[in-house]
Amino acid sequence: MSASSAPTRSTSPLSFLAFDFGTKRVGVATGNTLTRSAQPLRTIAAEGEARFDAIGKLIEEWQPHALVVGVPFHPDGAPHDNTERARRFGRQLHGRFKLVVYEVDERYTTTEATTEAAAGGARDLDAASAAIILNQFLSALE
């Protein structure tokens, strides 16, 4: 479930859904290896089963090959409370939807999303953060 075991380059494009996990909201983005770019989709409420129902509908609609979850760390790389929560969320996604889940270090993505939103007028910071996470993942693929 880590980015270090990311897929190798394929002859056909691979698509992904990425998640910026939060205890109140989960940002979602989509992207693929053909364009090597991500686009924000939406933010869903992080409330119990409704969260997974909404994610299931997005998976059905977008048919991703795999999922990507941002995992937060302190600036020095130390884990904190949300680190394990995000990892647990990734395990739940894998268990429910039987897709490979990759983890990406998401330090500073919210700050970057806030800066980009201010410059570009984006309204959905959580989805923008998910797009940044997915762009990091896609750029790390060889």
C-alpha atoms as a PDB file:
ATOM      1  CA  MET A   1       0.000   0.000   0.000  1.00  0.00           C
ATOM      2  CA  SER A   2       2.855   2.426  -0.393  1.00  0.00           C
ATOM      3  CA  ALA A   3       3.951   4.591  -3.276  1.00  0.00           C
ATOM      4  CA  SER A   4       7.255   2.714  -3.276  1.00  0.00           C
ATOM      5  CA  SER A   5       5.399  -0.271  -4.731  1.00  0.00           C
ATOM      6  CA  ALA A   6       3.737   1.908  -7.366  1.00  0.00           C
ATOM      7  CA  PRO A   7       2.875   0.342 -10.714  1.00  0.00           C
ATOM      8  CA  THR A   8       5.459   0.378 -13.442  1.00  0.00           C
ATOM      9  CA  ARG A   9       4.767   2.021 -16.766  1.00  0.00           C
ATOM     10  CA  SER A  10       2.146   0.164 -18.731  1.00  0.00           C
ATOM     11  CA  THR A  11       1.375   0.184 -22.438  1.00  0.00           C
ATOM     12  CA  SER A  12      -2.224   1.098 -21.680  1.00  0.00           C
ATOM     13  CA  PRO A  13      -3.197   4.070 -19.503  1.00  0.00           C
ATOM     14  CA  LEU A  14      -3.997   3.437 -15.857  1.00  0.00           C
ATOM     15  CA  SER A  15      -6.595   5.513 -14.043  1.00  0.00           C
ATOM     16  CA  PHE A  16      -6.712   6.412 -10.356  1.00  0.00           C
ATOM     17  CA  LEU A  17      -8.961   7.989  -7.777  1.00  0.00           C
ATOM     18  CA  ALA A  18      -7.137   9.842  -5.017  1.00  0.00           C
ATOM     19  CA  PHE A  19      -8.364  10.811  -1.577  1.00  0.00           C
ATOM     20  CA  ASP A  20      -7.382  13.566   0.823  1.00  0.00           C
ATOM     21  CA  PHE A  21      -8.669  11.989   4.032  1.00  0.00           C
ATOM     22  CA  GLY A  22     -10.037  14.142   6.817  1.00  0.00           C
ATOM     23  CA  THR A  23     -12.151  13.358   9.846  1.00  0.00           C
ATOM     24  CA  LYS A  24     -14.945  15.663   8.579  1.00  0.00           C
ATOM     25  CA  ARG A  25     -14.440  15.633   4.786  1.00  0.00           C
ATOM     26  CA  VAL A  26     -12.662  13.566   2.144  1.00  0.00           C
ATOM     27  CA  GLY A  27     -11.464  15.277  -1.019  1.00  0.00           C
ATOM     28  CA  VAL A  28     -11.511  13.220  -4.209  1.00  0.00           C
ATOM     29  CA  ALA A  29      -9.602  13.622  -7.471  1.00  0.00           C
ATOM     30  CA  THR A  30      -9.128  11.561 -10.617  1.00  0.00           C
ATOM     31  CA  GLY A  31      -6.229  11.201 -12.996  1.00  0.00           C
ATOM     32  CA  ASN A  32      -4.413   8.795 -15.260  1.00  0.00           C
ATOM     33  CA  THR A  33      -1.031   7.824 -16.630  1.00  0.00           C
ATOM     34  CA  LEU A  34      -1.889   9.018 -20.140  1.00  0.00           C
ATOM     35  CA  THR A  35      -2.180  12.697 -19.231  1.00  0.00           C
ATOM     36  CA  ARG A  36      -0.084  12.322 -16.053  1.00  0.00           C
ATOM     37  CA  SER A  37      -2.299  14.891 -14.428  1.00  0.00           C
ATOM     38  CA  ALA A  38      -5.098  14.983 -11.898  1.00  0.00           C
ATOM     39  CA  GLN A  39      -8.291  16.965 -11.641  1.00  0.00           C
ATOM     40  CA  PRO A  40     -10.318  17.656  -8.504  1.00  0.00           C
ATOM     41  CA  LEU A  41     -13.712  15.938  -8.460  1.00  0.00           C
ATOM     42  CA  ARG A  42     -15.532  16.740  -5.249  1.00  0.00           C
ATOM     43  CA  THR A  43     -15.543  16.532  -1.492  1.00  0.00           C
ATOM     44  CA  ILE A  44     -17.660  14.028   0.358  1.00  0.00           C
ATOM     45  CA  ALA A  45     -18.736  14.052   3.994  1.00  0.00           C
ATOM     46  CA  ALA A  46     -16.667  11.716   6.148  1.00  0.00           C
ATOM     47  CA  GLU A  47     -19.675  10.365   8.012  1.00  0.00           C
ATOM     48  CA  GLY A  48     -19.820   6.584   8.475  1.00  0.00           C
ATOM     49  CA  GLU A  49     -21.307   4.360   5.803  1.00  0.00           C
ATOM     50  CA  ALA A  50     -22.530   7.286   3.694  1.00  0.00           C
ATOM     51  CA  ARG A  51     -18.868   8.105   2.996  1.00  0.00           C
ATOM     52  CA  PHE A  52     -18.221   4.625   1.583  1.00  0.00           C
ATOM     53  CA  ASP A  53     -21.494   4.645  -0.364  1.00  0.00           C
ATOM     54  CA  ALA A  54     -20.421   7.898  -2.063  1.00  0.00           C
ATOM     55  CA  ILE A  55     -16.949   6.493  -2.740  1.00  0.00           C
ATOM     56  CA  GLY A  56     -18.498   3.319  -4.169  1.00  0.00           C
ATOM     57  CA  LYS A  57     -20.531   5.407  -6.611  1.00  0.00           C
ATOM     58  CA  LEU A  58     -17.408   7.290  -7.697  1.00  0.00           C
ATOM     59  CA  ILE A  59     -15.522   4.024  -8.185  1.00  0.00           C
ATOM     60  CA  GLU A  60     -18.404   2.667 -10.251  1.00  0.00           C
ATOM     61  CA  GLU A  61     -18.494   5.837 -12.352  1.00  0.00           C
ATOM     62  CA  TRP A  62     -14.747   6.307 -12.889  1.00  0.00           C
ATOM     63  CA  GLN A  63     -13.612   2.623 -12.890  1.00  0.00           C
ATOM     64  CA  PRO A  64     -10.111   3.308 -11.521  1.00  0.00           C
ATOM     65  CA  HIS A  65      -7.349   0.700 -11.697  1.00  0.00           C
ATOM     66  CA  ALA A  66      -6.195   1.663  -8.200  1.00  0.00           C
ATOM     67  CA  LEU A  67      -6.715   4.178  -5.402  1.00  0.00           C
ATOM     68  CA  VAL A  68      -4.317   6.679  -3.850  1.00  0.00           C
ATOM     69  CA  VAL A  69      -4.594   7.963  -0.280  1.00  0.00           C
ATOM     70  CA  GLY A  70      -2.672  10.906   1.129  1.00  0.00           C
ATOM     71  CA  VAL A  71      -1.076  10.099   4.478  1.00  0.00           C
ATOM     72  CA  PRO A  72      -0.142  13.107   6.632  1.00  0.00           C
ATOM     73  CA  PHE A  73       3.036  13.453   8.664  1.00  0.00           C
ATOM     74  CA  HIS A  74       4.546  16.215  10.763  1.00  0.00           C
ATOM     75  CA  PRO A  75       7.076  18.389   8.900  1.00  0.00           C
ATOM     76  CA  ASP A  76       9.920  16.360  10.451  1.00  0.00           C
ATOM     77  CA  GLY A  77       8.406  13.131   9.095  1.00  0.00           C
ATOM     78  CA  ALA A  78       7.028  11.927  12.417  1.00  0.00           C
ATOM     79  CA  PRO A  79       3.565  10.370  12.358  1.00  0.00           C
ATOM     80  CA  HIS A  80       0.620  11.911  14.224  1.00  0.00           C
ATOM     81  CA  ASP A  81      -2.988  10.956  14.995  1.00  0.00           C
ATOM     82  CA  ASN A  82      -4.229  11.448  11.443  1.00  0.00           C
ATOM     83  CA  THR A  83      -1.386   9.357  10.013  1.00  0.00           C
ATOM     84  CA  GLU A  84      -2.909   6.154  11.380  1.00  0.00           C
ATOM     85  CA  ARG A  85      -6.449   7.330  10.592  1.00  0.00           C
ATOM     86  CA  ALA A  86      -5.532   7.858   6.933  1.00  0.00           C
ATOM     87  CA  ARG A  87      -3.801   4.471   6.774  1.00  0.00           C
ATOM     88  CA  ARG A  88      -6.854   2.830   8.313  1.00  0.00           C
ATOM     89  CA  PHE A  89      -9.029   4.572   5.720  1.00  0.00           C
ATOM     90  CA  GLY A  90      -6.775   3.126   2.999  1.00  0.00           C
ATOM     91  CA  ARG A  91      -7.127  -0.370   4.458  1.00  0.00           C
ATOM     92  CA  GLN A  92     -10.905   0.073   4.574  1.00  0.00           C
ATOM     93  CA  LEU A  93     -10.944   1.144   0.917  1.00  0.00           C
ATOM     94  CA  HIS A  94      -8.919  -1.907  -0.050  1.00  0.00           C
ATOM     95  CA  GLY A  95     -11.126  -4.236   1.978  1.00  0.00           C
ATOM     96  CA  ARG A  96     -14.403  -2.856   0.649  1.00  0.00           C
ATOM     97  CA  PHE A  97     -13.554  -2.256  -2.994  1.00  0.00           C
ATOM     98  CA  LYS A  98     -10.779  -4.843  -3.600  1.00  0.00           C
ATOM     99  CA  LEU A  99      -8.571  -2.302  -5.375  1.00  0.00           C
ATOM    100  CA  VAL A 100      -4.897  -1.683  -4.755  1.00  0.00           C
ATOM    101  CA  VAL A 101      -4.391   1.350  -2.505  1.00  0.00           C
ATOM    102  CA  TYR A 102      -1.192   3.394  -2.698  1.00  0.00           C
ATOM    103  CA  GLU A 103      -0.120   5.767   0.056  1.00  0.00           C
ATOM    104  CA  VAL A 104       1.448   9.149  -0.675  1.00  0.00           C
ATOM    105  CA  ASP A 105       3.115  11.436   1.856  1.00  0.00           C
ATOM    106  CA  GLU A 106       0.831  14.448   1.842  1.00  0.00           C
ATOM    107  CA  ARG A 107       2.847  16.915   3.892  1.00  0.00           C
ATOM    108  CA  TYR A 108       2.073  20.469   2.810  1.00  0.00           C
ATOM    109  CA  THR A 109      -0.675  19.586   0.298  1.00  0.00           C
ATOM    110  CA  THR A 110      -3.324  21.614   2.134  1.00  0.00           C
ATOM    111  CA  THR A 111      -0.982  24.604   2.219  1.00  0.00           C
ATOM    112  CA  GLU A 112      -0.263  24.175  -1.494  1.00  0.00           C
ATOM    113  CA  ALA A 113      -3.973  23.764  -2.267  1.00  0.00           C
ATOM    114  CA  THR A 114      -4.798  26.914  -0.284  1.00  0.00           C
ATOM    115  CA  THR A 115      -2.157  28.882  -2.215  1.00  0.00           C
ATOM    116  CA  GLU A 116      -3.382  27.549  -5.566  1.00  0.00           C
ATOM    117  CA  ALA A 117      -7.005  28.195  -4.630  1.00  0.00           C
ATOM    118  CA  ALA A 118      -6.243  31.797  -3.736  1.00  0.00           C
ATOM    119  CA  ALA A 119      -4.494  32.258  -7.075  1.00  0.00           C
ATOM    120  CA  GLY A 120      -7.029  30.384  -9.206  1.00  0.00           C
ATOM    121  CA  GLY A 121     -10.278  30.876  -7.368  1.00  0.00           C
ATOM    122  CA  ALA A 122     -10.840  27.189  -6.543  1.00  0.00           C
ATOM    123  CA  ARG A 123     -13.726  26.557  -4.189  1.00  0.00           C
ATOM    124  CA  ASP A 124     -13.033  23.003  -3.062  1.00  0.00           C
ATOM    125  CA  LEU A 125      -9.776  22.823  -1.100  1.00  0.00           C
ATOM    126  CA  ASP A 126     -10.206  19.174  -0.140  1.00  0.00           C
ATOM    127  CA  ALA A 127     -10.625  18.043  -3.751  1.00  0.00           C
ATOM    128  CA  ALA A 128      -7.739  20.326  -4.780  1.00  0.00           C
ATOM    129  CA  SER A 129      -5.577  18.670  -2.115  1.00  0.00           C
ATOM    130  CA  ALA A 130      -6.559  15.233  -3.476  1.00  0.00           C
ATOM    131  CA  ALA A 131      -5.480  16.394  -6.959  1.00  0.00           C
ATOM    132  CA  ILE A 132      -2.110  17.519  -5.593  1.00  0.00           C
ATOM    133  CA  ILE A 133      -1.672  14.144  -3.892  1.00  0.00           C
ATOM    134  CA  LEU A 134      -2.482  12.345  -7.139  1.00  0.00           C
ATOM    135  CA  ASN A 135      -0.171  14.604  -9.155  1.00  0.00           C
ATOM    136  CA  GLN A 136       2.650  13.732  -6.733  1.00  0.00           C
ATOM    137  CA  PHE A 137       1.898  10.048  -7.220  1.00  0.00           C
ATOM    138  CA  LEU A 138       1.722  10.313 -11.004  1.00  0.00           C
ATOM    139  CA  SER A 139       4.968  12.277 -11.230  1.00  0.00           C
ATOM    140  CA  ALA A 140       6.737   9.600  -9.164  1.00  0.00           C
ATOM    141  CA  LEU A 141       5.817   6.856 -11.664  1.00  0.00           C
ATOM    142  CA  GLU A 142       8.540   5.865 -14.068  1.00  0.00           C
END
